[in-house]
Protein backbone atom coordinates (compact mmCIF):
# COMPACT_ATOMS: atom_id res chain seq x y z
CA MET A 1 -14.12 30.67 62.38
CA LYS A 2 -14.82 27.53 60.32
CA LYS A 3 -13.59 28.42 56.84
CA LEU A 4 -11.45 26.70 54.22
CA VAL A 5 -8.74 29.32 54.56
CA ASN A 6 -5.03 28.69 54.90
CA ASP A 7 -3.90 32.26 55.55
CA LYS A 8 -6.55 34.98 55.66
CA THR A 9 -4.08 37.54 54.30
CA GLN A 10 -3.64 35.35 51.21
CA PHE A 11 -7.31 34.47 50.74
CA VAL A 12 -7.84 36.33 47.44
CA ALA A 13 -4.44 35.36 46.03
CA ASP A 14 -5.09 31.69 46.80
CA MET A 15 -8.57 31.91 45.31
CA LEU A 16 -7.31 33.43 42.06
CA LYS A 17 -4.65 30.77 41.67
CA GLY A 18 -7.30 28.12 42.11
CA LEU A 19 -9.65 29.76 39.61
CA THR A 20 -7.01 29.75 36.91
CA LEU A 21 -6.29 26.08 37.57
CA ALA A 22 -9.97 25.33 36.98
CA ASP A 23 -10.16 27.37 33.77
CA ASP A 24 -7.14 27.44 31.49
CA THR A 25 -8.66 30.18 29.30
CA HIS A 26 -7.77 32.65 32.10
CA GLU A 27 -4.55 34.05 33.44
CA VAL A 28 -3.69 36.30 36.37
CA ILE A 29 -1.71 39.46 35.77
CA ALA A 30 -0.64 42.16 38.24
CA ASP A 31 -1.44 39.73 41.09
CA SER A 32 -5.20 40.36 41.15
CA VAL A 33 -6.44 40.83 37.59
CA ILE A 34 -8.05 37.95 35.67
CA VAL A 35 -7.85 38.31 31.88
CA ARG A 36 -8.69 36.18 28.89
CA LYS A 37 -5.67 34.55 27.32
CA ASP A 38 -7.33 34.93 23.91
CA ARG A 39 -7.40 38.72 23.73
CA LYS A 40 -9.69 40.65 21.41
CA LYS A 41 -8.01 42.29 18.44
CA ASP A 42 -10.40 44.89 17.05
CA LYS A 43 -13.58 44.96 19.14
CA VAL A 44 -14.53 46.88 22.25
CA ALA A 45 -13.06 45.27 25.37
CA LEU A 46 -14.99 45.12 28.65
CA VAL A 47 -13.48 45.47 32.12
CA SER A 48 -15.37 44.99 35.38
CA GLY A 49 -14.55 44.02 38.92
CA GLY A 50 -14.79 45.08 42.51
CA GLY A 51 -14.22 43.48 45.86
CA SER A 52 -13.91 39.71 46.01
CA GLY A 53 -16.55 37.61 47.75
CA HIS A 54 -19.17 37.71 44.98
CA GLU A 55 -18.06 34.62 43.09
CA PRO A 56 -18.65 33.63 40.38
CA ALA A 57 -18.67 37.40 39.82
CA HIS A 58 -16.60 38.87 38.46
CA ALA A 59 -13.82 36.51 37.39
CA GLY A 60 -16.26 33.79 36.32
CA TYR A 61 -17.57 36.05 33.57
CA VAL A 62 -14.17 36.64 31.98
CA ALA A 63 -14.94 34.71 28.83
CA GLU A 64 -15.81 35.06 25.18
CA GLY A 65 -19.22 36.67 24.95
CA MET A 66 -18.94 38.44 28.31
CA ILE A 67 -16.13 40.52 29.84
CA ASP A 68 -12.44 40.56 28.99
CA ALA A 69 -10.92 41.34 32.40
CA ALA A 70 -11.98 41.32 36.04
CA VAL A 71 -10.13 43.32 38.67
CA CYS A 72 -10.36 41.52 42.01
CA GLY A 73 -10.00 43.62 45.14
CA GLU A 74 -9.69 42.20 48.62
CA VAL A 75 -12.91 40.82 50.11
CA PHE A 76 -15.63 43.47 49.84
CA THR A 77 -12.97 46.11 49.09
CA SER A 78 -12.64 48.09 45.88
CA PRO A 79 -9.59 47.33 43.74
CA THR A 80 -7.05 50.12 43.53
CA PRO A 81 -6.70 52.38 40.47
CA ASP A 82 -3.31 50.95 39.50
CA LYS A 83 -4.75 47.43 39.26
CA ILE A 84 -7.72 48.67 37.23
CA LEU A 85 -5.29 50.47 34.91
CA GLU A 86 -3.33 47.23 34.45
CA ALA A 87 -6.55 45.50 33.42
CA ILE A 88 -7.41 48.25 30.94
CA LYS A 89 -3.95 48.17 29.37
CA ALA A 90 -3.94 44.38 29.15
CA VAL A 91 -7.12 44.16 27.06
CA ALA A 92 -7.29 47.55 25.29
CA THR A 93 -7.93 47.57 21.55
CA ASP A 94 -8.16 50.40 19.04
CA ALA A 95 -11.95 50.14 19.43
CA GLY A 96 -11.62 51.11 23.09
CA VAL A 97 -12.49 49.79 26.55
CA LEU A 98 -15.80 50.02 28.43
CA LEU A 99 -15.67 49.83 32.23
CA ILE A 100 -18.70 48.25 33.93
CA VAL A 101 -18.79 49.67 37.45
CA LYS A 102 -21.12 48.92 40.36
CA ASN A 103 -22.40 52.03 42.13
CA TYR A 104 -20.30 52.03 45.30
CA ALA A 105 -18.29 55.11 46.22
CA GLY A 106 -14.94 53.30 46.26
CA ASP A 107 -15.53 51.49 42.97
CA VAL A 108 -16.74 54.62 41.19
CA MET A 109 -13.83 56.71 42.43
CA ASN A 110 -11.13 54.14 41.68
CA PHE A 111 -12.45 53.17 38.25
CA GLU A 112 -12.72 56.85 37.29
CA MET A 113 -9.16 57.50 38.44
CA ALA A 114 -7.97 54.53 36.38
CA MET A 115 -9.93 55.80 33.39
CA GLU A 116 -8.21 59.17 33.64
CA LEU A 117 -4.81 57.49 33.85
CA ALA A 118 -5.62 55.36 30.80
CA GLU A 119 -6.71 58.41 28.82
CA MET A 120 -3.34 60.00 29.64
CA GLU A 121 -1.79 57.01 27.87
CA ASP A 122 -4.04 57.61 24.83
CA ILE A 123 -6.30 54.63 25.53
CA LYS A 124 -9.89 55.14 24.46
CA VAL A 125 -12.01 54.32 27.50
CA ASP A 126 -15.47 55.04 28.92
CA ARG A 127 -17.67 53.68 31.68
CA VAL A 128 -21.21 52.78 32.74
CA ILE A 129 -22.43 52.61 36.33
CA VAL A 130 -24.89 49.91 37.41
CA ALA A 131 -27.33 50.86 40.17
CA ASP A 132 -30.14 48.31 40.19
CA ASP A 133 -30.73 47.86 43.95
CA ILE A 134 -34.11 49.39 44.82
CA ALA A 135 -33.55 48.93 48.56
CA ILE A 136 -32.06 52.43 48.50
CA ASP A 137 -34.69 55.16 48.01
CA ASN A 138 -32.24 57.73 46.63
CA LYS A 139 -31.65 56.65 43.03
CA GLU A 140 -28.25 58.35 42.96
CA GLN A 141 -27.08 56.11 45.80
CA ARG A 142 -28.54 52.79 44.62
CA ARG A 143 -26.02 49.96 44.63
CA GLY A 144 -25.00 47.75 41.75
CA VAL A 145 -26.00 44.18 42.56
CA ALA A 146 -27.10 41.05 40.65
CA GLY A 147 -28.28 43.00 37.60
CA THR A 148 -24.60 43.70 36.91
CA VAL A 149 -24.36 40.16 35.54
CA PHE A 150 -27.08 40.90 32.96
CA VAL A 151 -25.04 43.97 31.99
CA HIS A 152 -21.90 41.86 31.53
CA LYS A 153 -23.78 39.55 29.17
CA ILE A 154 -25.64 42.22 27.22
CA ALA A 155 -22.56 44.42 26.83
CA GLY A 156 -20.55 41.35 25.80
CA TYR A 157 -23.11 40.56 23.11
CA TYR A 158 -23.02 44.05 21.62
CA ALA A 159 -19.22 44.19 21.77
CA GLU A 160 -19.03 40.88 19.88
CA GLN A 161 -21.31 42.39 17.20
CA GLY A 162 -18.55 44.88 16.45
CA LEU A 163 -20.36 47.98 17.69
CA SER A 164 -18.29 51.04 18.54
CA LEU A 165 -17.48 52.05 22.11
CA GLU A 166 -20.07 54.81 21.92
CA GLU A 167 -22.68 52.39 20.60
CA VAL A 168 -22.00 49.71 23.22
CA LYS A 169 -22.20 52.32 25.98
CA ALA A 170 -25.49 53.68 24.61
CA LYS A 171 -26.98 50.18 24.38
CA VAL A 172 -26.03 49.42 28.00
CA GLU A 173 -27.26 52.76 29.29
CA ALA A 174 -30.64 52.03 27.71
CA VAL A 175 -30.79 48.79 29.73
CA LEU A 176 -29.96 50.27 33.14
CA PRO A 177 -33.24 52.06 33.96
CA GLN A 178 -35.20 48.97 32.89
CA MET A 179 -33.56 46.73 35.51
CA HIS A 180 -34.42 46.46 39.21
CA THR A 181 -33.26 44.17 42.04
CA ILE A 182 -34.03 43.56 45.71
CA GLY A 183 -32.65 40.87 48.01
CA MET A 184 -33.16 39.25 51.40
CA ALA A 185 -31.22 37.13 53.86
CA LEU A 186 -31.99 34.40 56.36
CA GLU A 187 -28.41 34.42 57.67
CA PRO A 188 -25.60 36.99 57.29
CA CYS A 189 -22.24 36.14 55.77
CA MET A 190 -19.00 35.50 57.62
CA VAL A 191 -16.11 37.55 56.20
CA PRO A 192 -13.04 35.26 56.15
CA THR A 193 -10.52 38.09 56.40
CA THR A 194 -12.07 39.47 59.61
CA GLY A 195 -13.87 36.49 61.15
CA GLN A 196 -16.90 38.73 61.70
CA TYR A 197 -20.53 38.61 60.55
CA GLY A 198 -21.90 41.61 58.68
CA PHE A 199 -24.87 41.85 61.04
CA GLU A 200 -26.76 39.81 63.60
CA LEU A 201 -30.08 38.02 63.05
CA ALA A 202 -32.15 36.14 65.59
CA ALA A 203 -33.08 32.56 64.75
CA ASP A 204 -36.61 33.57 63.77
CA GLU A 205 -35.74 36.75 61.80
CA MET A 206 -35.00 37.63 58.17
CA GLU A 207 -33.44 40.75 56.69
CA ILE A 208 -35.02 42.56 53.72
CA GLY A 209 -33.05 44.76 51.33
CA ILE A 210 -29.57 43.42 52.07
CA GLY A 211 -26.46 44.42 50.13
CA ILE A 212 -23.87 42.15 48.54
CA HIS A 213 -21.05 43.24 50.86
CA GLY A 214 -22.66 41.79 53.97
CA GLU A 215 -24.63 44.97 54.65
CA LYS A 216 -27.79 44.63 56.68
CA GLY A 217 -31.07 45.45 54.97
CA ILE A 218 -33.59 48.26 55.25
CA TYR A 219 -35.78 46.36 57.72
CA ARG A 220 -36.23 42.94 59.30
CA GLU A 221 -39.24 40.76 59.93
CA LYS A 222 -40.09 37.40 61.44
CA ILE A 223 -39.37 34.60 58.97
CA GLU A 224 -42.22 33.93 56.56
CA THR A 225 -43.03 31.18 54.08
CA VAL A 226 -41.37 31.37 50.65
CA ASP A 227 -44.53 32.55 48.88
CA GLN A 228 -44.92 35.36 51.42
CA ILE A 229 -41.27 36.41 51.03
CA VAL A 230 -41.62 36.43 47.24
CA ALA A 231 -44.77 38.54 47.51
CA ARG A 232 -42.98 40.94 49.88
CA LEU A 233 -40.06 41.46 47.49
CA MET A 234 -42.28 41.69 44.43
CA THR A 235 -44.43 44.33 46.15
CA GLU A 236 -41.31 46.49 46.42
CA LEU A 237 -40.28 45.79 42.83
CA GLU A 238 -43.74 46.60 41.49
CA LYS A 239 -43.36 50.15 42.80
CA GLU A 240 -40.50 50.59 40.30
CA ILE A 241 -41.41 48.60 37.19
CA GLU A 242 -43.48 49.39 34.11
CA GLY A 243 -45.02 46.90 31.70
CA ASP A 244 -45.99 43.27 32.16
CA LYS A 245 -43.23 41.24 30.44
CA PHE A 246 -39.94 40.62 32.22
CA ILE A 247 -36.68 38.73 32.03
CA VAL A 248 -36.13 37.42 35.56
CA MET A 249 -33.17 36.35 37.68
CA VAL A 250 -33.47 34.47 40.97
CA ASN A 251 -29.97 34.92 42.36
CA GLY A 252 -28.55 33.01 45.32
CA MET A 253 -26.46 34.91 47.86
CA GLY A 254 -23.87 32.13 48.18
CA GLY A 255 -25.15 29.96 51.03
CA THR A 256 -28.56 29.03 49.65
CA PRO A 257 -28.96 25.54 48.14
CA LEU A 258 -30.09 25.39 44.52
CA SER A 259 -33.06 23.35 45.72
CA GLU A 260 -34.30 26.33 47.73
CA LEU A 261 -33.69 28.74 44.84
CA ALA A 262 -35.83 26.43 42.72
CA VAL A 263 -38.59 26.66 45.32
CA VAL A 264 -38.34 30.46 45.13
CA ALA A 265 -38.64 30.29 41.33
CA ARG A 266 -41.73 28.09 41.60
CA TYR A 267 -43.58 30.58 43.83
CA LEU A 268 -42.32 33.55 41.85
CA LYS A 269 -43.86 32.04 38.72
CA GLU A 270 -47.12 31.59 40.62
CA TYR A 271 -47.01 35.20 41.78
CA PHE A 272 -46.50 36.37 38.20
CA ALA A 273 -49.58 34.42 37.15
CA THR A 274 -51.76 35.96 39.86
CA LYS A 275 -50.61 39.45 38.81
CA HIS A 276 -50.98 38.74 35.07
CA LEU A 277 -47.28 39.32 34.53
CA GLN A 278 -45.28 37.39 31.94
CA MET A 279 -41.89 35.82 32.69
CA THR A 280 -40.24 35.63 29.26
CA LYS A 281 -36.93 34.22 30.50
CA LEU A 282 -35.88 32.86 33.89
CA PHE A 283 -32.36 32.50 35.28
CA VAL A 284 -31.93 30.61 38.57
CA GLY A 285 -28.57 30.18 40.30
CA ASN A 286 -25.65 31.84 42.04
CA TYR A 287 -24.62 34.79 39.86
CA MET A 288 -23.65 37.61 42.26
CA THR A 289 -23.13 36.29 45.78
CA ALA A 290 -22.14 37.63 49.19
CA LEU A 291 -19.79 34.85 50.36
CA ASP A 292 -21.93 32.39 52.35
CA MET A 293 -24.96 34.60 53.01
CA GLN A 294 -28.19 32.58 53.03
CA GLY A 295 -30.81 34.34 50.99
CA PHE A 296 -31.67 35.42 47.47
CA SER A 297 -32.44 38.38 45.27
CA ILE A 298 -34.91 38.92 42.46
CA THR A 299 -33.94 40.96 39.39
CA LEU A 300 -36.52 42.10 36.86
CA LEU A 301 -35.43 43.37 33.45
CA LYS A 302 -38.21 44.73 31.26
CA HIS A 303 -38.49 42.44 28.26
CA ASP A 304 -36.97 43.54 24.99
CA ASP A 305 -36.33 41.16 22.09
CA ASP A 306 -32.77 42.47 21.73
CA TYR A 307 -32.03 41.90 25.42
CA ALA A 308 -33.44 38.38 25.20
CA ALA A 309 -31.25 37.66 22.16
CA ALA A 310 -28.22 39.04 23.98
CA LEU A 311 -28.85 36.85 27.02
CA ASP A 312 -29.36 33.81 24.77
CA SER A 313 -26.19 34.43 22.79
CA LYS A 314 -23.14 32.20 23.06
CA THR A 315 -20.66 32.64 25.87
CA ALA A 316 -17.73 30.55 27.02
CA SER A 317 -18.49 31.35 30.67
CA LYS A 318 -19.40 28.27 32.69
CA TYR A 319 -21.44 30.39 35.05
CA PHE A 320 -24.03 31.94 32.76
């Protein structure tokens, strides 16, 4: 295994120490929780997290204008309830705490357990569950993927406006059904703690509908040109969307050069034109990755002027 790893059992701990060296607005508490040093005083605080391996998510979005704490589990493994509780307690204000949870069984269970424990300590807390991955037919089982980053930013915007916990939750829940994502991979990721690939692909194959934890997709095909891949993913997205104006994210899976993501964006823009769709905002980069997986995802968020304002608003995060 060729990885920049000193001790695979200390991979996440070493990573978190390095992240705080690179950003002195952060600190690590309870071994695996990244929090803002400049805590909120009277506004709703936001806590997110999950397994590590999605960098810059989630720690990279711990910043003014986005989230207040990120709970970092082991690679592709949900953080435990006690760590999530530590995050809640560290950032809680009288206005309350909103948990932003990706729809994976372990994350949902552990965040809900932590929420119950926090409520027992008289902390006002609630949660939203992000499930934007259309690769799963059953909407109840859809995974939270790159759209989670839009949720971090939009929720952060409304929290900074001084809205109540109930209002911030309602605003976010209005966003969720308007947001859809699907991804693909040319190469799977290597998990540094196991030394194993998530799945196998032949040299001339690509995987459609992959997950962000190294999961294989819903089907595989022979590799196509970028315009054909974009059309394939958009065909799936168009089964879900309504309207003709969208905020768009082209998200790298961790091992894809920015040059190639830019090529994707170029052909996605062309596809929009042929379908008479309007791209009102475009984000291109690595936002929610799967270690070193080579591939990308497309997220479409139905345009709303408030959402556009939220995504344009100031944040101290270097990654958005």
